[in-house]
């Protein structure tokens, strides 16, 4: 047993090693050395928030930059900071000003995002004449740490900057305390407007009395006013801590009490004690999986995009709610483009294009990327949001259509109902007024497919019984009971749409193939996970599905978006959903030629934003196409529409595309495509390098179904140093596209 004194000495050594950029385990070194090449380093300050760096602990996040004046500035965000209209607001902006600024007298300047250690380091000056800022958000607590060290004594001011009418509490105990509190809520309004007024009292309102804000304090800081702290005397070191809290309380005083309790609990662990476990969390994260392409400059650029997008997802992926596709927690003062006037309009940091609700077509892509990365815990907020919505979704189906099951809206508030603007004010019908999503309910099918993959990767009876089966069975039940049968007993999916592109459709491809895939996989689950009645229903409904819509000419067959389709309004290729996400066609599967013909005939041939051509190319073994799209995604920030007047400095802040900046879809598509270029899993089969460019080498570690980890290298198109865990799964590995 290690004696206490020895344990303390060991912890101190570990901390010093971490602070020097070292490793807690010998096995970390090769991975972290390769990762260090992707650190973002700037040698000059940023003009404004468009030059910010992102950092987060999964729930609490910040955009950090240093202005030419020398001030250190950052926005604070939290995953559950919803206002009364269900818009995701910033907690606020903080400015730190020293009497000896970080930018002055031509001194060397350096700002680095240190991925391995989970921090941002700012350095001003060199050698003994250097001031350093270490900015990190505790991976295990809702605390922002800003640690400033100077070669000579300095004075500092810390100020909260708020552009809203938030409540700023009187200075007490040398702190800054503030909050935003919802005294109203749109929750009941959405139920009433969508014909569920009778159910208002049955369901919890997640917005009313929701209160969020924080507390800023630091040893040596005293109150200057209610929004400013200042050093009492010059210091050579300053440790600032910001505690963040979101809670629903009956009155504001209860929230203040909870904030005080939270601070006391956080402060029981000093920053020096918390730092080693914080850094260990990040080292474990980076050691869980990786892809490091090399061999060409394009390969290195793709590898950097992969690492930085995964950093961004980890920074927002462990909160109370799923990642927001339209900026995540890292949106800053934005610019909205008016197509009518051709002008850009300035927006404050609380604005995000398309607002607060979730859009599944866009939300899904970060989560598909998490499977092969093994970032399963980051998927839980998505499961929880839909799991919590099931009772209200059942109520909606019963009220609207007088049958069972659930349907999931393409655009939705977190409690499950349609985005208010899409449903339409005073809409007397049960279908949304927005024609793009009027009959578009596919998200429940794809969500079920994703949950089935999650179960396949790491089988869990609890997950299956509490989440997967209840949601998937509810979706299946809706489609089973909602649609009529033809004379030959087949389901007739009408009225329907094929994604947002074909607004009038019968038997749309994503519904037909999606349900066939999901039902087949549900029936493959252990019998103990479902009732005999559920399994009988799944089997019957599977047999009643119509055939996949097809066309044929001169001996060539291709897949259609639907059996009948018209009124094209968007730029998706619904027919290729048979390749991804549903994987009914692809390498190692029948009728590959049909899928390739479908690919060649697709109407929209492009990448950027949520477009998934790169993923589908990889699954079809089209190496050159997949490579070209991935390189374009990784090296061009804005691929859709007008270019912004103020592009982002951070290289992984893609956009504005369809969905604003930083666009989470473009980076996530890059992750998914690169993973599928290296590895594709189907049943027990693990296919390596099915679409990997021969001029790219790489080291990789990815996660496959059945608790399997695959690690190795690709050199000159050959897989070397292959390690499969457990070893028994090595027999299931196939190398190449054959």
Foldseek 3Di string as FASTA:
>chain_A
DDDPVRVVVVLVVLLVCVVVVHDPDPVLPVLLVLVQVLKDKDFAWDQDLLAFDWAALQFKIKTWTAHLVQKTKIWIFGPQCAAQLQFGFTLFMKIKQKPPGLHDDPWTWMWICRQLLRWIKIWTHDDLQIKIWTWHQQNVARKTKIKIAGSDWIKMKMFTDDPDPWDWDWDDPQKTWIKHFHQHHCVCVLCVQLVNNVCPVVDDGSHHGKMKHKMKHWPQWGDPTNGMIMGPDTDRMIIMMIGIDIDRDPDVVVVVVVRVVSVVVVVVQDPSRSSSVRSVVSSCLSVLKAKQKDQDPLSNLLRSLLSSLVSVCSRNQQHLAAAAQFQGRHAAFFWDADPVVRDTDTGGRSDWVPGRWHALLRRCLLLLLCAFSVVLNSCVNVQVLVLQLVVVQQVLCCSQPVFGFGFAFRTDHSNGGHSDVQQPGNDPHNFGPNLLGRAPRLSLLVVLVSLLQSCQQPPDLVCLQRGNVVSNLRHLRCQVPVFDADPVQATWDPPHALHSFFSGAIAFQSVLLSLLLSLVSVLVDPPVSDDPVSNVSSVVNNVRHDDFQWDDDPHAIEGQRHVDTDDTDDQAQSRLVCCPPRNQEFFPHPPLRRNVVHLVPGPDDAEDFQHQNLQSCLRRLVQVSNSVRLSCLSQAQEDADDDDPSRRPPSNFHDPHVIHTSRSNSSSSSSNSVSSCAWDDDPLAIEGNARHDQSMKIWIWTGHGPNKIWTFIAHSQDTPPIDIPPPVSPVRYHYYRD
